[in-house]
């Protein structure tokens, strides 16, 4: 099962892709991914229902979030109403420790994304803020990475014992599926995705074209 764990639609402030167009592109280009997770910036989209699109195209479509902490951006998988009420998803500069602990308490998983990126990546802040406690997984392959950002992410993750996921960080249709995460068991729901992440039954895959 190959899922792109980091995508943005027009629901995000800088996203320019409609979810239906992602599905059409995946099928038209015969991309190898089986689905994707919408991780909209500083919010969780409770309203949108993509089940009809999922059935029509045979693509798994799940929803997460991307929040901003003092260590940079963090993907959250398994958001529920209880977690959403714990802190303001729209706030910039959330304490990473709180996001990690609160997510875990509500059965979710928080994953620092593009950690090798300047300013918005976790490893850009560890020299001043120290190595944060509680991180278990980081994004080591990002479709929008430049220069050595992914290598910084990968090497630091390896030295610190973190597992690594992959995602395209797509904001436009043609960028989806550049990086993804291969799961060793089928994943069709967010509960199954969270369980697989917690069990570390996955590997990051770079499929940039």
N, C-alpha and C. Protein backbone atom coordinates (compact mmCIF):
# COMPACT_ATOMS: atom_id res chain seq x y z
N UNK A 1 0.86 -1.19 0.00
CA UNK A 1 0.00 0.00 0.00
C UNK A 1 0.89 1.24 0.00
N UNK A 2 0.72 2.08 -1.00
CA UNK A 2 1.58 3.26 -1.14
C UNK A 2 0.71 4.51 -1.01
N UNK A 3 0.96 5.28 0.04
CA UNK A 3 0.17 6.47 0.31
C UNK A 3 1.06 7.71 0.38
N UNK A 4 0.59 8.78 -0.23
CA UNK A 4 1.23 10.09 -0.14
C UNK A 4 0.67 10.74 1.13
N UNK A 5 1.50 10.90 2.15
CA UNK A 5 1.01 11.34 3.46
C UNK A 5 1.02 12.85 3.67
N UNK A 6 1.32 13.62 2.63
CA UNK A 6 1.45 15.07 2.84
C UNK A 6 0.98 15.80 1.58
N UNK A 7 -0.30 16.20 1.57
CA UNK A 7 -0.83 16.93 0.42
C UNK A 7 -1.73 18.08 0.88
N UNK A 8 -1.89 19.05 0.00
CA UNK A 8 -2.72 20.23 0.30
C UNK A 8 -3.68 20.49 -0.86
N UNK A 9 -4.91 20.82 -0.51
CA UNK A 9 -5.90 21.18 -1.52
C UNK A 9 -6.19 22.68 -1.43
N UNK A 10 -7.22 23.12 -2.14
CA UNK A 10 -7.61 24.52 -2.08
C UNK A 10 -8.12 24.92 -0.71
N UNK A 11 -8.31 23.94 0.18
CA UNK A 11 -8.70 24.26 1.56
C UNK A 11 -7.55 24.95 2.30
N UNK A 12 -6.32 24.70 1.88
CA UNK A 12 -5.16 25.36 2.47
C UNK A 12 -4.99 26.74 1.85
N UNK A 13 -4.41 27.65 2.61
CA UNK A 13 -4.29 29.04 2.14
C UNK A 13 -3.46 29.18 0.88
N UNK A 14 -2.50 28.28 0.66
CA UNK A 14 -1.65 28.37 -0.53
C UNK A 14 -1.82 27.17 -1.46
N UNK A 15 -2.86 26.37 -1.22
CA UNK A 15 -3.10 25.22 -2.08
C UNK A 15 -3.90 25.61 -3.32
N UNK A 16 -3.56 25.00 -4.45
CA UNK A 16 -4.23 25.32 -5.71
C UNK A 16 -4.82 24.10 -6.38
N UNK A 17 -4.95 23.00 -5.64
CA UNK A 17 -5.44 21.76 -6.22
C UNK A 17 -6.78 21.36 -5.62
N UNK A 18 -7.71 20.97 -6.50
CA UNK A 18 -8.96 20.38 -6.03
C UNK A 18 -8.75 18.89 -5.84
N UNK A 19 -9.42 18.33 -4.86
CA UNK A 19 -9.24 16.91 -4.55
C UNK A 19 -9.63 16.04 -5.75
N UNK A 20 -10.70 16.39 -6.43
CA UNK A 20 -11.12 15.63 -7.60
C UNK A 20 -10.04 15.65 -8.68
N UNK A 21 -9.37 16.79 -8.83
CA UNK A 21 -8.30 16.89 -9.84
C UNK A 21 -7.10 16.04 -9.46
N UNK A 22 -6.79 15.93 -8.16
CA UNK A 22 -5.74 15.00 -7.72
C UNK A 22 -6.08 13.58 -8.19
N UNK A 23 -7.33 13.18 -7.95
CA UNK A 23 -7.76 11.83 -8.33
C UNK A 23 -7.65 11.62 -9.83
N UNK A 24 -8.07 12.60 -10.59
CA UNK A 24 -8.01 12.49 -12.05
C UNK A 24 -6.57 12.40 -12.53
N UNK A 25 -5.68 13.16 -11.92
CA UNK A 25 -4.27 13.16 -12.30
C UNK A 25 -3.63 11.81 -11.99
N UNK A 26 -3.92 11.27 -10.81
CA UNK A 26 -3.36 9.98 -10.42
C UNK A 26 -3.74 8.90 -11.43
N UNK A 27 -4.99 8.89 -11.84
CA UNK A 27 -5.46 7.89 -12.79
C UNK A 27 -4.93 8.15 -14.20
N UNK A 28 -4.94 9.41 -14.63
CA UNK A 28 -4.49 9.73 -15.99
C UNK A 28 -3.01 9.43 -16.18
N UNK A 29 -2.23 9.65 -15.12
CA UNK A 29 -0.78 9.44 -15.20
C UNK A 29 -0.36 8.05 -14.72
N UNK A 30 -1.33 7.25 -14.32
CA UNK A 30 -1.04 5.90 -13.81
C UNK A 30 -0.01 5.94 -12.68
N UNK A 31 -0.18 6.87 -11.78
CA UNK A 31 0.74 6.96 -10.65
C UNK A 31 0.61 5.73 -9.78
N UNK A 32 1.69 5.37 -9.14
CA UNK A 32 1.72 4.12 -8.38
C UNK A 32 1.08 4.24 -6.99
N UNK A 33 0.74 5.46 -6.56
CA UNK A 33 0.18 5.60 -5.22
C UNK A 33 -1.26 5.10 -5.17
N UNK A 34 -1.62 4.52 -4.02
CA UNK A 34 -2.96 4.00 -3.81
C UNK A 34 -3.88 5.01 -3.13
N UNK A 35 -3.32 6.10 -2.66
CA UNK A 35 -4.12 7.11 -2.00
C UNK A 35 -3.27 8.23 -1.44
N UNK A 36 -3.94 9.15 -0.76
CA UNK A 36 -3.23 10.30 -0.20
C UNK A 36 -3.96 10.83 1.02
N UNK A 37 -3.22 11.58 1.82
CA UNK A 37 -3.77 12.21 3.02
C UNK A 37 -3.72 13.72 2.83
N UNK A 38 -4.85 14.37 3.00
CA UNK A 38 -4.93 15.83 2.94
C UNK A 38 -4.54 16.40 4.29
N UNK A 39 -3.47 17.16 4.31
CA UNK A 39 -2.95 17.73 5.55
C UNK A 39 -3.00 19.26 5.44
N UNK A 40 -4.19 19.80 5.55
CA UNK A 40 -4.38 21.23 5.34
C UNK A 40 -3.70 22.05 6.43
N UNK A 41 -3.20 23.22 6.05
CA UNK A 41 -2.46 24.08 6.96
C UNK A 41 -3.34 24.62 8.09
N UNK A 42 -2.86 24.46 9.31
CA UNK A 42 -3.42 25.10 10.51
C UNK A 42 -4.93 24.89 10.66
N UNK A 43 -5.39 23.70 10.35
CA UNK A 43 -6.82 23.40 10.47
C UNK A 43 -7.03 21.91 10.33
N UNK A 44 -8.24 21.47 10.70
CA UNK A 44 -8.67 20.13 10.33
C UNK A 44 -10.05 20.26 9.71
N UNK A 45 -10.20 19.69 8.54
CA UNK A 45 -11.43 19.83 7.76
C UNK A 45 -12.43 18.74 8.15
N UNK A 46 -13.30 19.07 9.10
CA UNK A 46 -14.33 18.12 9.52
C UNK A 46 -15.46 18.02 8.50
N UNK A 47 -15.67 19.06 7.71
CA UNK A 47 -16.86 19.14 6.87
C UNK A 47 -16.80 18.28 5.60
N UNK A 48 -15.68 18.30 4.93
CA UNK A 48 -15.61 17.66 3.61
C UNK A 48 -15.68 16.14 3.70
N UNK A 49 -16.47 15.56 2.81
CA UNK A 49 -16.62 14.11 2.72
C UNK A 49 -16.16 13.68 1.32
N UNK A 50 -15.07 12.93 1.27
CA UNK A 50 -14.51 12.52 -0.01
C UNK A 50 -14.80 11.06 -0.32
N UNK A 51 -15.73 10.46 0.38
CA UNK A 51 -16.01 9.03 0.19
C UNK A 51 -16.50 8.73 -1.23
N UNK A 52 -17.29 9.62 -1.81
CA UNK A 52 -17.79 9.39 -3.17
C UNK A 52 -16.64 9.41 -4.18
N UNK A 53 -15.73 10.38 -4.02
CA UNK A 53 -14.56 10.44 -4.91
C UNK A 53 -13.68 9.21 -4.72
N UNK A 54 -13.52 8.80 -3.48
CA UNK A 54 -12.71 7.63 -3.18
C UNK A 54 -13.26 6.39 -3.88
N UNK A 55 -14.56 6.23 -3.83
CA UNK A 55 -15.20 5.08 -4.46
C UNK A 55 -15.14 5.18 -5.99
N UNK A 56 -15.38 6.37 -6.50
CA UNK A 56 -15.39 6.57 -7.95
C UNK A 56 -14.04 6.25 -8.58
N UNK A 57 -12.97 6.71 -7.94
CA UNK A 57 -11.63 6.56 -8.52
C UNK A 57 -10.86 5.37 -7.95
N UNK A 58 -11.39 4.73 -6.91
CA UNK A 58 -10.66 3.63 -6.31
C UNK A 58 -9.40 4.07 -5.61
N UNK A 59 -9.46 5.25 -4.99
CA UNK A 59 -8.30 5.84 -4.32
C UNK A 59 -8.64 6.11 -2.86
N UNK A 60 -7.75 5.75 -1.98
CA UNK A 60 -7.93 6.02 -0.55
C UNK A 60 -7.66 7.51 -0.29
N UNK A 61 -8.64 8.21 0.28
CA UNK A 61 -8.49 9.63 0.59
C UNK A 61 -8.75 9.83 2.08
N UNK A 62 -7.74 10.25 2.80
CA UNK A 62 -7.85 10.45 4.24
C UNK A 62 -7.51 11.90 4.57
N UNK A 63 -7.80 12.30 5.82
CA UNK A 63 -7.59 13.69 6.22
C UNK A 63 -6.77 13.76 7.50
N UNK A 64 -5.75 14.64 7.48
CA UNK A 64 -4.96 14.94 8.65
C UNK A 64 -4.87 16.45 8.79
N UNK A 65 -3.75 16.92 9.33
CA UNK A 65 -3.55 18.36 9.50
C UNK A 65 -2.06 18.67 9.51
N UNK A 66 -1.74 19.92 9.23
CA UNK A 66 -0.36 20.41 9.39
C UNK A 66 -0.40 21.63 10.29
N UNK A 67 0.26 21.53 11.43
CA UNK A 67 0.27 22.64 12.39
C UNK A 67 1.68 23.20 12.49
N UNK A 68 1.80 24.37 13.12
CA UNK A 68 3.09 25.05 13.21
C UNK A 68 3.53 25.18 14.66
N UNK A 69 4.76 24.75 14.93
CA UNK A 69 5.32 24.79 16.27
C UNK A 69 6.60 25.61 16.28
N UNK A 70 7.16 25.78 17.46
CA UNK A 70 8.42 26.52 17.56
C UNK A 70 9.57 25.76 16.92
N UNK A 71 9.36 24.46 16.66
CA UNK A 71 10.36 23.64 15.98
C UNK A 71 10.07 23.50 14.49
N UNK A 72 9.03 24.15 14.01
CA UNK A 72 8.67 24.01 12.61
C UNK A 72 7.35 23.30 12.43
N UNK A 73 7.08 22.86 11.21
CA UNK A 73 5.78 22.30 10.86
C UNK A 73 5.68 20.83 11.24
N UNK A 74 4.45 20.43 11.60
CA UNK A 74 4.21 19.07 12.09
C UNK A 74 2.92 18.54 11.49
N UNK A 75 2.96 17.34 10.93
CA UNK A 75 1.76 16.66 10.45
C UNK A 75 1.11 15.93 11.60
N UNK A 76 -0.21 15.95 11.64
CA UNK A 76 -0.94 15.23 12.69
C UNK A 76 -1.93 14.29 12.00
N UNK A 77 -1.81 13.00 12.33
CA UNK A 77 -2.69 11.97 11.78
C UNK A 77 -3.55 11.41 12.90
N UNK A 78 -4.85 11.29 12.63
CA UNK A 78 -5.76 10.77 13.65
C UNK A 78 -6.47 11.85 14.43
N UNK A 79 -6.65 13.02 13.82
CA UNK A 79 -7.33 14.14 14.50
C UNK A 79 -8.79 13.77 14.74
N UNK A 80 -9.25 14.01 15.95
CA UNK A 80 -10.66 13.85 16.28
C UNK A 80 -11.14 15.11 17.00
N UNK A 81 -12.40 15.16 17.33
CA UNK A 81 -12.95 16.37 17.94
C UNK A 81 -12.29 16.66 19.29
N UNK A 82 -12.00 15.61 20.06
CA UNK A 82 -11.35 15.81 21.34
C UNK A 82 -9.99 16.46 21.21
N UNK A 83 -9.19 15.98 20.28
CA UNK A 83 -7.87 16.57 20.05
C UNK A 83 -8.00 17.99 19.53
N UNK A 84 -8.94 18.21 18.61
CA UNK A 84 -9.10 19.53 18.02
C UNK A 84 -9.47 20.58 19.06
N UNK A 85 -10.13 20.17 20.13
CA UNK A 85 -10.52 21.11 21.18
C UNK A 85 -9.39 21.38 22.18
N UNK A 86 -8.33 20.60 22.11
CA UNK A 86 -7.24 20.74 23.08
C UNK A 86 -6.37 21.96 22.82
N UNK A 87 -6.18 22.33 21.55
CA UNK A 87 -5.36 23.50 21.25
C UNK A 87 -5.84 24.14 19.95
N UNK A 88 -5.39 25.35 19.73
CA UNK A 88 -5.80 26.13 18.56
C UNK A 88 -4.93 25.74 17.37
N UNK A 89 -5.49 24.98 16.44
CA UNK A 89 -4.74 24.51 15.28
C UNK A 89 -4.25 25.67 14.42
N UNK A 90 -4.92 26.81 14.49
CA UNK A 90 -4.55 27.94 13.64
C UNK A 90 -3.39 28.76 14.21
N UNK A 91 -3.01 28.47 15.43
CA UNK A 91 -1.96 29.25 16.10
C UNK A 91 -0.58 28.91 15.55
N UNK A 92 0.23 29.93 15.37
CA UNK A 92 1.61 29.76 14.94
C UNK A 92 2.51 29.73 16.18
N UNK A 93 3.43 28.79 16.23
CA UNK A 93 4.34 28.71 17.36
C UNK A 93 3.85 27.85 18.50
N UNK A 94 3.03 26.87 18.20
CA UNK A 94 2.57 25.93 19.23
C UNK A 94 3.78 25.20 19.83
N UNK A 95 3.74 24.87 21.11
CA UNK A 95 4.84 24.08 21.69
C UNK A 95 4.84 22.66 21.11
N UNK A 96 5.93 22.25 20.54
CA UNK A 96 6.00 20.92 19.95
C UNK A 96 5.71 19.84 20.99
N UNK A 97 6.25 20.00 22.19
CA UNK A 97 6.03 19.00 23.24
C UNK A 97 4.55 18.81 23.52
N UNK A 98 3.81 19.90 23.52
CA UNK A 98 2.37 19.82 23.76
C UNK A 98 1.66 19.12 22.62
N UNK A 99 2.04 19.44 21.38
CA UNK A 99 1.42 18.81 20.22
C UNK A 99 1.68 17.30 20.24
N UNK A 100 2.89 16.91 20.55
CA UNK A 100 3.24 15.49 20.61
C UNK A 100 2.46 14.78 21.71
N UNK A 101 2.48 15.34 22.90
CA UNK A 101 1.84 14.70 24.05
C UNK A 101 0.33 14.66 23.90
N UNK A 102 -0.27 15.76 23.46
CA UNK A 102 -1.71 15.81 23.31
C UNK A 102 -2.18 14.88 22.20
N UNK A 103 -1.44 14.84 21.12
CA UNK A 103 -1.79 13.93 20.03
C UNK A 103 -1.77 12.49 20.52
N UNK A 104 -0.72 12.12 21.22
CA UNK A 104 -0.61 10.76 21.72
C UNK A 104 -1.74 10.43 22.69
N UNK A 105 -2.08 11.38 23.53
CA UNK A 105 -3.15 11.17 24.52
C UNK A 105 -4.49 10.91 23.85
N UNK A 106 -4.68 11.44 22.66
CA UNK A 106 -5.94 11.27 21.93
C UNK A 106 -5.84 10.20 20.84
N UNK A 107 -4.79 9.41 20.89
CA UNK A 107 -4.65 8.32 19.95
C UNK A 107 -4.15 8.71 18.59
N UNK A 108 -3.65 9.93 18.45
CA UNK A 108 -3.14 10.42 17.17
C UNK A 108 -1.61 10.32 17.13
N UNK A 109 -1.05 10.63 15.96
CA UNK A 109 0.41 10.61 15.77
C UNK A 109 0.85 11.93 15.17
N UNK A 110 1.83 12.57 15.78
CA UNK A 110 2.37 13.84 15.29
C UNK A 110 3.76 13.59 14.71
N UNK A 111 3.97 14.11 13.49
CA UNK A 111 5.20 13.84 12.75
C UNK A 111 5.79 15.14 12.21
N UNK A 112 6.93 15.60 12.72
CA UNK A 112 7.57 16.78 12.13
C UNK A 112 7.85 16.55 10.65
N UNK A 113 7.45 17.51 9.82
CA UNK A 113 7.61 17.35 8.37
C UNK A 113 8.72 18.25 7.85
N UNK A 114 9.23 17.88 6.66
CA UNK A 114 10.40 18.53 6.05
C UNK A 114 11.37 19.07 7.10
N UNK A 115 11.84 18.20 8.01
CA UNK A 115 12.67 18.67 9.14
C UNK A 115 14.03 19.21 8.73
N UNK A 116 14.46 18.95 7.50
CA UNK A 116 15.73 19.48 7.05
C UNK A 116 15.64 20.84 6.40
N UNK A 117 14.44 21.40 6.37
CA UNK A 117 14.23 22.68 5.69
C UNK A 117 14.57 23.85 6.62
N UNK A 118 15.18 24.90 6.10
CA UNK A 118 15.45 26.09 6.92
C UNK A 118 14.15 26.70 7.45
N UNK A 119 14.21 27.23 8.65
CA UNK A 119 13.12 27.97 9.29
C UNK A 119 11.93 27.11 9.70
N UNK A 120 11.36 26.34 8.78
CA UNK A 120 10.13 25.60 9.08
C UNK A 120 10.38 24.11 9.34
N UNK A 121 11.65 23.69 9.41
CA UNK A 121 12.00 22.30 9.68
C UNK A 121 12.59 22.13 11.07
N UNK A 122 12.31 21.01 11.69
CA UNK A 122 12.73 20.78 13.08
C UNK A 122 14.23 20.90 13.28
N UNK A 123 15.02 20.34 12.37
CA UNK A 123 16.46 20.32 12.59
C UNK A 123 17.11 21.70 12.40
N UNK A 124 16.35 22.66 11.92
CA UNK A 124 16.85 24.03 11.85
C UNK A 124 16.84 24.68 13.23
N UNK A 125 16.18 24.05 14.18
CA UNK A 125 16.00 24.66 15.50
C UNK A 125 16.64 23.87 16.64
N UNK A 126 17.14 22.67 16.35
CA UNK A 126 17.65 21.84 17.44
C UNK A 126 18.93 22.39 18.06
N UNK A 127 19.72 23.13 17.29
CA UNK A 127 20.96 23.69 17.87
C UNK A 127 20.63 24.69 18.97
N UNK A 128 19.59 25.49 18.76
CA UNK A 128 19.22 26.50 19.76
C UNK A 128 18.26 25.96 20.81
N UNK A 129 17.35 25.08 20.39
CA UNK A 129 16.30 24.63 21.30
C UNK A 129 16.56 23.24 21.89
N UNK A 130 17.53 22.54 21.33
CA UNK A 130 17.81 21.19 21.80
C UNK A 130 16.99 20.15 21.05
N UNK A 131 17.33 18.89 21.28
CA UNK A 131 16.60 17.79 20.66
C UNK A 131 15.29 17.60 21.43
N UNK A 132 14.15 17.71 20.77
CA UNK A 132 12.88 17.58 21.48
C UNK A 132 12.62 16.14 21.92
N UNK A 133 11.97 16.00 23.04
CA UNK A 133 11.60 14.67 23.51
C UNK A 133 10.26 14.26 22.91
N UNK A 134 10.12 12.98 22.68
CA UNK A 134 8.84 12.46 22.25
C UNK A 134 8.68 12.25 20.76
N UNK A 135 9.63 12.73 19.96
CA UNK A 135 9.56 12.53 18.51
C UNK A 135 9.94 11.09 18.20
N UNK A 136 9.12 10.41 17.41
CA UNK A 136 9.39 9.04 17.02
C UNK A 136 9.50 8.87 15.51
N UNK A 137 8.81 9.74 14.78
CA UNK A 137 8.78 9.66 13.32
C UNK A 137 8.96 11.07 12.76
N UNK A 138 9.71 11.19 11.70
CA UNK A 138 9.81 12.46 10.97
C UNK A 138 9.67 12.16 9.47
N UNK A 139 9.37 13.18 8.72
CA UNK A 139 9.29 13.04 7.27
C UNK A 139 10.70 13.17 6.70
N UNK A 140 11.18 12.10 6.07
CA UNK A 140 12.55 12.11 5.55
C UNK A 140 12.60 12.28 4.03
N UNK A 141 11.45 12.16 3.38
CA UNK A 141 11.38 12.39 1.94
C UNK A 141 10.20 13.29 1.65
N UNK A 142 10.49 14.45 1.06
CA UNK A 142 9.47 15.46 0.80
C UNK A 142 9.58 15.90 -0.65
N UNK A 143 8.47 15.87 -1.36
CA UNK A 143 8.49 16.19 -2.78
C UNK A 143 8.86 17.62 -3.10
N UNK A 144 8.79 18.51 -2.11
CA UNK A 144 9.14 19.90 -2.34
C UNK A 144 10.52 20.28 -1.84
N UNK A 145 11.30 19.29 -1.40
CA UNK A 145 12.62 19.58 -0.84
C UNK A 145 13.59 20.07 -1.91
N UNK A 146 14.51 20.91 -1.47
CA UNK A 146 15.56 21.42 -2.34
C UNK A 146 16.92 21.07 -1.77
N UNK A 147 17.92 21.13 -2.63
CA UNK A 147 19.32 20.94 -2.21
C UNK A 147 19.45 19.68 -1.36
N UNK A 148 19.98 19.84 -0.13
CA UNK A 148 20.24 18.68 0.72
C UNK A 148 19.24 18.55 1.86
N UNK A 149 18.05 19.14 1.71
CA UNK A 149 17.07 19.11 2.80
C UNK A 149 16.68 17.69 3.20
N UNK A 150 16.43 16.82 2.22
CA UNK A 150 16.07 15.45 2.55
C UNK A 150 17.24 14.69 3.17
N UNK A 151 18.44 14.97 2.72
CA UNK A 151 19.60 14.30 3.29
C UNK A 151 19.81 14.72 4.74
N UNK A 152 19.59 15.99 5.03
CA UNK A 152 19.66 16.46 6.43
C UNK A 152 18.63 15.73 7.27
N UNK A 153 17.42 15.62 6.73
CA UNK A 153 16.35 14.93 7.44
C UNK A 153 16.70 13.47 7.66
N UNK A 154 17.16 12.80 6.61
CA UNK A 154 17.44 11.37 6.70
C UNK A 154 18.59 11.06 7.65
N UNK A 155 19.68 11.82 7.53
CA UNK A 155 20.85 11.53 8.35
C UNK A 155 20.58 11.80 9.82
N UNK A 156 19.88 12.89 10.11
CA UNK A 156 19.54 13.18 11.50
C UNK A 156 18.56 12.16 12.06
N UNK A 157 17.59 11.76 11.25
CA UNK A 157 16.63 10.76 11.70
C UNK A 157 17.34 9.44 12.02
N UNK A 158 18.28 9.08 11.17
CA UNK A 158 19.03 7.84 11.39
C UNK A 158 19.84 7.91 12.68
N UNK A 159 20.52 9.02 12.90
CA UNK A 159 21.36 9.14 14.09
C UNK A 159 20.54 9.21 15.38
N UNK A 160 19.31 9.71 15.28
CA UNK A 160 18.45 9.83 16.47
C UNK A 160 17.47 8.67 16.63
N UNK A 161 17.49 7.74 15.69
CA UNK A 161 16.64 6.57 15.80
C UNK A 161 15.19 6.80 15.44
N UNK A 162 14.92 7.81 14.62
CA UNK A 162 13.55 8.08 14.20
C UNK A 162 13.19 7.23 12.98
N UNK A 163 11.93 6.82 12.91
CA UNK A 163 11.41 6.23 11.68
C UNK A 163 11.12 7.36 10.70
N UNK A 164 11.01 7.04 9.41
CA UNK A 164 10.83 8.08 8.41
C UNK A 164 9.70 7.80 7.44
N UNK A 165 8.90 8.84 7.18
CA UNK A 165 7.82 8.74 6.20
C UNK A 165 8.16 9.60 4.98
N UNK A 166 7.34 9.46 3.93
CA UNK A 166 7.50 10.27 2.74
C UNK A 166 6.17 10.87 2.31
N UNK A 167 6.23 12.07 1.75
CA UNK A 167 5.04 12.74 1.24
C UNK A 167 5.42 13.79 0.21
N UNK A 168 4.51 14.09 -0.68
CA UNK A 168 4.84 15.01 -1.77
C UNK A 168 4.86 16.47 -1.34
N UNK A 169 4.09 16.81 -0.29
CA UNK A 169 3.89 18.21 0.09
C UNK A 169 3.32 18.99 -1.11
N UNK A 170 2.46 18.31 -1.85
CA UNK A 170 1.91 18.91 -3.07
C UNK A 170 0.93 20.03 -2.76
N UNK A 171 1.05 21.11 -3.52
CA UNK A 171 0.11 22.23 -3.48
C UNK A 171 -0.56 22.42 -4.83
N UNK A 172 0.00 21.75 -5.84
CA UNK A 172 -0.60 21.76 -7.18
C UNK A 172 -0.74 20.31 -7.63
N UNK A 173 -1.65 20.10 -8.56
CA UNK A 173 -2.02 18.73 -8.95
C UNK A 173 -0.82 17.91 -9.42
N UNK A 174 0.03 18.50 -10.24
CA UNK A 174 1.11 17.72 -10.87
C UNK A 174 2.20 17.29 -9.90
N UNK A 175 2.16 17.75 -8.66
CA UNK A 175 3.22 17.38 -7.71
C UNK A 175 2.85 16.20 -6.82
N UNK A 176 1.59 15.77 -6.87
CA UNK A 176 1.20 14.67 -5.99
C UNK A 176 1.94 13.39 -6.35
N UNK A 177 2.28 12.62 -5.34
CA UNK A 177 2.94 11.34 -5.57
C UNK A 177 4.43 11.39 -5.80
N UNK A 178 5.05 12.54 -5.63
CA UNK A 178 6.51 12.62 -5.85
C UNK A 178 7.26 11.82 -4.79
N UNK A 179 6.74 11.83 -3.58
CA UNK A 179 7.26 10.99 -2.51
C UNK A 179 6.06 10.37 -1.80
N UNK A 180 6.26 9.22 -1.20
CA UNK A 180 5.15 8.54 -0.55
C UNK A 180 5.68 7.62 0.54
N UNK A 181 4.76 6.91 1.17
CA UNK A 181 5.11 5.97 2.23
C UNK A 181 4.49 4.62 1.89
N UNK A 182 5.33 3.59 1.88
CA UNK A 182 4.85 2.23 1.62
C UNK A 182 4.52 1.55 2.95
N UNK A 183 3.29 1.08 3.06
CA UNK A 183 2.85 0.35 4.25
C UNK A 183 2.85 -1.14 3.93
N UNK A 184 3.23 -1.93 4.91
CA UNK A 184 3.38 -3.36 4.69
C UNK A 184 2.07 -4.12 4.82
N UNK A 185 1.03 -3.45 5.29
CA UNK A 185 -0.31 -4.02 5.37
C UNK A 185 -1.28 -3.02 4.75
N UNK A 186 -2.44 -3.49 4.28
CA UNK A 186 -3.42 -2.57 3.69
C UNK A 186 -3.86 -1.49 4.66
N UNK A 187 -4.05 -0.28 4.15
CA UNK A 187 -4.52 0.86 4.93
C UNK A 187 -5.68 1.50 4.18
N UNK A 188 -6.85 1.53 4.80
CA UNK A 188 -8.00 2.14 4.14
C UNK A 188 -8.72 3.15 5.03
N UNK A 189 -8.34 3.22 6.29
CA UNK A 189 -8.95 4.16 7.23
C UNK A 189 -7.87 4.87 8.01
N UNK A 190 -8.23 5.99 8.63
CA UNK A 190 -7.25 6.70 9.44
C UNK A 190 -6.83 5.87 10.65
N UNK A 191 -7.74 5.10 11.22
CA UNK A 191 -7.38 4.24 12.35
C UNK A 191 -6.30 3.24 11.93
N UNK A 192 -6.45 2.68 10.74
CA UNK A 192 -5.45 1.73 10.25
C UNK A 192 -4.13 2.43 9.96
N UNK A 193 -4.20 3.65 9.46
CA UNK A 193 -2.98 4.41 9.20
C UNK A 193 -2.24 4.72 10.49
N UNK A 194 -2.97 5.18 11.49
CA UNK A 194 -2.36 5.50 12.78
C UNK A 194 -1.74 4.25 13.40
N UNK A 195 -2.45 3.13 13.33
CA UNK A 195 -1.92 1.88 13.88
C UNK A 195 -0.63 1.47 13.19
N UNK A 196 -0.59 1.61 11.87
CA UNK A 196 0.61 1.25 11.11
C UNK A 196 1.77 2.18 11.44
N UNK A 197 1.48 3.48 11.63
CA UNK A 197 2.52 4.42 12.01
C UNK A 197 3.07 4.08 13.39
N UNK A 198 2.19 3.79 14.32
CA UNK A 198 2.64 3.46 15.68
C UNK A 198 3.46 2.18 15.71
N UNK A 199 3.11 1.24 14.83
CA UNK A 199 3.84 -0.02 14.77
C UNK A 199 5.10 0.08 13.92
N UNK A 200 5.29 1.25 13.28
CA UNK A 200 6.42 1.50 12.39
C UNK A 200 6.52 0.44 11.29
N UNK A 201 5.36 0.11 10.74
CA UNK A 201 5.29 -0.87 9.64
C UNK A 201 5.20 -0.12 8.31
N UNK A 202 6.28 0.58 7.95
CA UNK A 202 6.27 1.40 6.75
C UNK A 202 7.69 1.77 6.36
N UNK A 203 7.81 2.35 5.17
CA UNK A 203 9.09 2.89 4.72
C UNK A 203 8.83 4.04 3.76
N UNK A 204 9.69 5.01 3.76
CA UNK A 204 9.57 6.17 2.86
C UNK A 204 10.05 5.79 1.47
N UNK A 205 9.37 6.35 0.47
CA UNK A 205 9.70 6.03 -0.93
C UNK A 205 9.80 7.31 -1.73
N UNK A 206 10.89 7.47 -2.47
CA UNK A 206 11.07 8.63 -3.34
C UNK A 206 10.74 8.22 -4.76
N UNK A 207 9.66 8.80 -5.31
CA UNK A 207 9.26 8.45 -6.67
C UNK A 207 9.16 9.71 -7.54
N UNK A 208 9.99 10.70 -7.24
CA UNK A 208 9.99 11.93 -8.01
C UNK A 208 10.27 11.64 -9.47
N UNK A 209 9.59 12.39 -10.34
CA UNK A 209 9.81 12.22 -11.78
C UNK A 209 10.37 13.50 -12.38
